[in-house]
């Protein structure tokens, strides 16, 4: 990771997405298709925020979220 990653993100006008209690609640209620807690949080955020995930992990599609295959 480049040392100035946060600055690069800000320069490009990208939005940083923090983890909220609502995201945590959704992640905890997800079916156990995926066991990785970090990936489950990404799935919960995508569901909550209406986002598309970019991944090679085929299991993400089981959650009914938009997935852009990398």
C-alpha atoms as a PDB file:
ATOM      1  CA  UNK A   1       0.000   0.000   0.000  1.00  0.00           C
ATOM      2  CA  UNK A   2       1.443   3.375  -0.927  1.00  0.00           C
ATOM      3  CA  UNK A   3       2.167   5.614   2.079  1.00  0.00           C
ATOM      4  CA  UNK A   4       0.037   8.389   0.556  1.00  0.00           C
ATOM      5  CA  UNK A   5      -2.998   6.209  -0.219  1.00  0.00           C
ATOM      6  CA  UNK A   6      -5.401   8.355   1.800  1.00  0.00           C
ATOM      7  CA  UNK A   7      -4.231  11.477  -0.030  1.00  0.00           C
ATOM      8  CA  UNK A   8      -4.680   9.779  -3.397  1.00  0.00           C
ATOM      9  CA  UNK A   9      -8.195   8.765  -2.434  1.00  0.00           C
ATOM     10  CA  UNK A  10      -9.031  12.331  -1.398  1.00  0.00           C
ATOM     11  CA  UNK A  11      -7.523  13.785  -4.609  1.00  0.00           C
ATOM     12  CA  UNK A  12      -9.749  11.596  -6.749  1.00  0.00           C
ATOM     13  CA  UNK A  13     -12.891  12.611  -4.873  1.00  0.00           C
ATOM     14  CA  UNK A  14     -13.605   9.083  -3.699  1.00  0.00           C
ATOM     15  CA  UNK A  15     -15.797   8.547  -0.658  1.00  0.00           C
ATOM     16  CA  UNK A  16     -14.433   6.668   2.329  1.00  0.00           C
ATOM     17  CA  UNK A  17     -16.931   4.238   3.782  1.00  0.00           C
ATOM     18  CA  UNK A  18     -16.645   3.652   7.498  1.00  0.00           C
ATOM     19  CA  UNK A  19     -18.109   0.700   9.343  1.00  0.00           C
ATOM     20  CA  UNK A  20     -21.325   1.569  11.171  1.00  0.00           C
ATOM     21  CA  UNK A  21     -23.348  -0.289  13.783  1.00  0.00           C
ATOM     22  CA  UNK A  22     -25.990  -0.835  11.101  1.00  0.00           C
ATOM     23  CA  UNK A  23     -23.379  -2.534   8.887  1.00  0.00           C
ATOM     24  CA  UNK A  24     -22.333  -4.746  11.793  1.00  0.00           C
ATOM     25  CA  UNK A  25     -25.937  -5.755  12.463  1.00  0.00           C
ATOM     26  CA  UNK A  26     -26.463  -6.708   8.820  1.00  0.00           C
ATOM     27  CA  UNK A  27     -23.184  -8.657   8.756  1.00  0.00           C
ATOM     28  CA  UNK A  28     -24.199 -10.582  11.856  1.00  0.00           C
ATOM     29  CA  UNK A  29     -27.546 -11.522  10.324  1.00  0.00           C
ATOM     30  CA  UNK A  30     -26.159 -12.751   6.991  1.00  0.00           C
ATOM     31  CA  UNK A  31     -26.527 -16.420   6.085  1.00  0.00           C
ATOM     32  CA  UNK A  32     -23.259 -18.305   6.499  1.00  0.00           C
ATOM     33  CA  UNK A  33     -22.439 -18.702   2.801  1.00  0.00           C
ATOM     34  CA  UNK A  34     -19.113 -17.008   3.535  1.00  0.00           C
ATOM     35  CA  UNK A  35     -17.095 -17.552   6.701  1.00  0.00           C
ATOM     36  CA  UNK A  36     -14.587 -14.700   6.403  1.00  0.00           C
ATOM     37  CA  UNK A  37     -15.686 -11.865   8.743  1.00  0.00           C
ATOM     38  CA  UNK A  38     -14.039  -9.130   6.652  1.00  0.00           C
ATOM     39  CA  UNK A  39     -15.753 -10.345   3.486  1.00  0.00           C
ATOM     40  CA  UNK A  40     -19.057 -10.570   5.355  1.00  0.00           C
ATOM     41  CA  UNK A  41     -18.645  -6.919   6.361  1.00  0.00           C
ATOM     42  CA  UNK A  42     -18.020  -5.952   2.729  1.00  0.00           C
ATOM     43  CA  UNK A  43     -21.178  -7.821   1.746  1.00  0.00           C
ATOM     44  CA  UNK A  44     -23.167  -6.095   4.507  1.00  0.00           C
ATOM     45  CA  UNK A  45     -21.903  -2.683   3.404  1.00  0.00           C
ATOM     46  CA  UNK A  46     -22.758  -3.425  -0.221  1.00  0.00           C
ATOM     47  CA  UNK A  47     -26.280  -4.468   0.785  1.00  0.00           C
ATOM     48  CA  UNK A  48     -26.791  -1.471   3.076  1.00  0.00           C
ATOM     49  CA  UNK A  49     -25.342   1.149   0.762  1.00  0.00           C
ATOM     50  CA  UNK A  50     -26.484  -0.233  -2.615  1.00  0.00           C
ATOM     51  CA  UNK A  51     -22.915  -0.843  -3.782  1.00  0.00           C
ATOM     52  CA  UNK A  52     -21.341  -3.207  -6.306  1.00  0.00           C
ATOM     53  CA  UNK A  53     -18.431  -5.349  -5.139  1.00  0.00           C
ATOM     54  CA  UNK A  54     -15.444  -6.118  -7.340  1.00  0.00           C
ATOM     55  CA  UNK A  55     -14.149  -9.593  -6.527  1.00  0.00           C
ATOM     56  CA  UNK A  56     -13.076 -12.959  -7.848  1.00  0.00           C
ATOM     57  CA  UNK A  57     -14.810 -14.727  -4.972  1.00  0.00           C
ATOM     58  CA  UNK A  58     -17.818 -16.596  -6.403  1.00  0.00           C
ATOM     59  CA  UNK A  59     -19.504 -16.918  -3.004  1.00  0.00           C
ATOM     60  CA  UNK A  60     -20.377 -13.193  -2.932  1.00  0.00           C
ATOM     61  CA  UNK A  61     -23.054 -13.748  -5.584  1.00  0.00           C
ATOM     62  CA  UNK A  62     -24.985 -15.988  -3.158  1.00  0.00           C
ATOM     63  CA  UNK A  63     -25.937 -12.838  -1.213  1.00  0.00           C
ATOM     64  CA  UNK A  64     -27.860 -11.233  -4.063  1.00  0.00           C
ATOM     65  CA  UNK A  65     -25.599  -8.202  -4.335  1.00  0.00           C
ATOM     66  CA  UNK A  66     -24.237  -6.776  -7.570  1.00  0.00           C
ATOM     67  CA  UNK A  67     -20.799  -8.276  -8.237  1.00  0.00           C
ATOM     68  CA  UNK A  68     -18.323  -7.159 -10.883  1.00  0.00           C
ATOM     69  CA  UNK A  69     -16.024 -10.105 -11.476  1.00  0.00           C
ATOM     70  CA  UNK A  70     -12.362  -9.120 -11.422  1.00  0.00           C
END
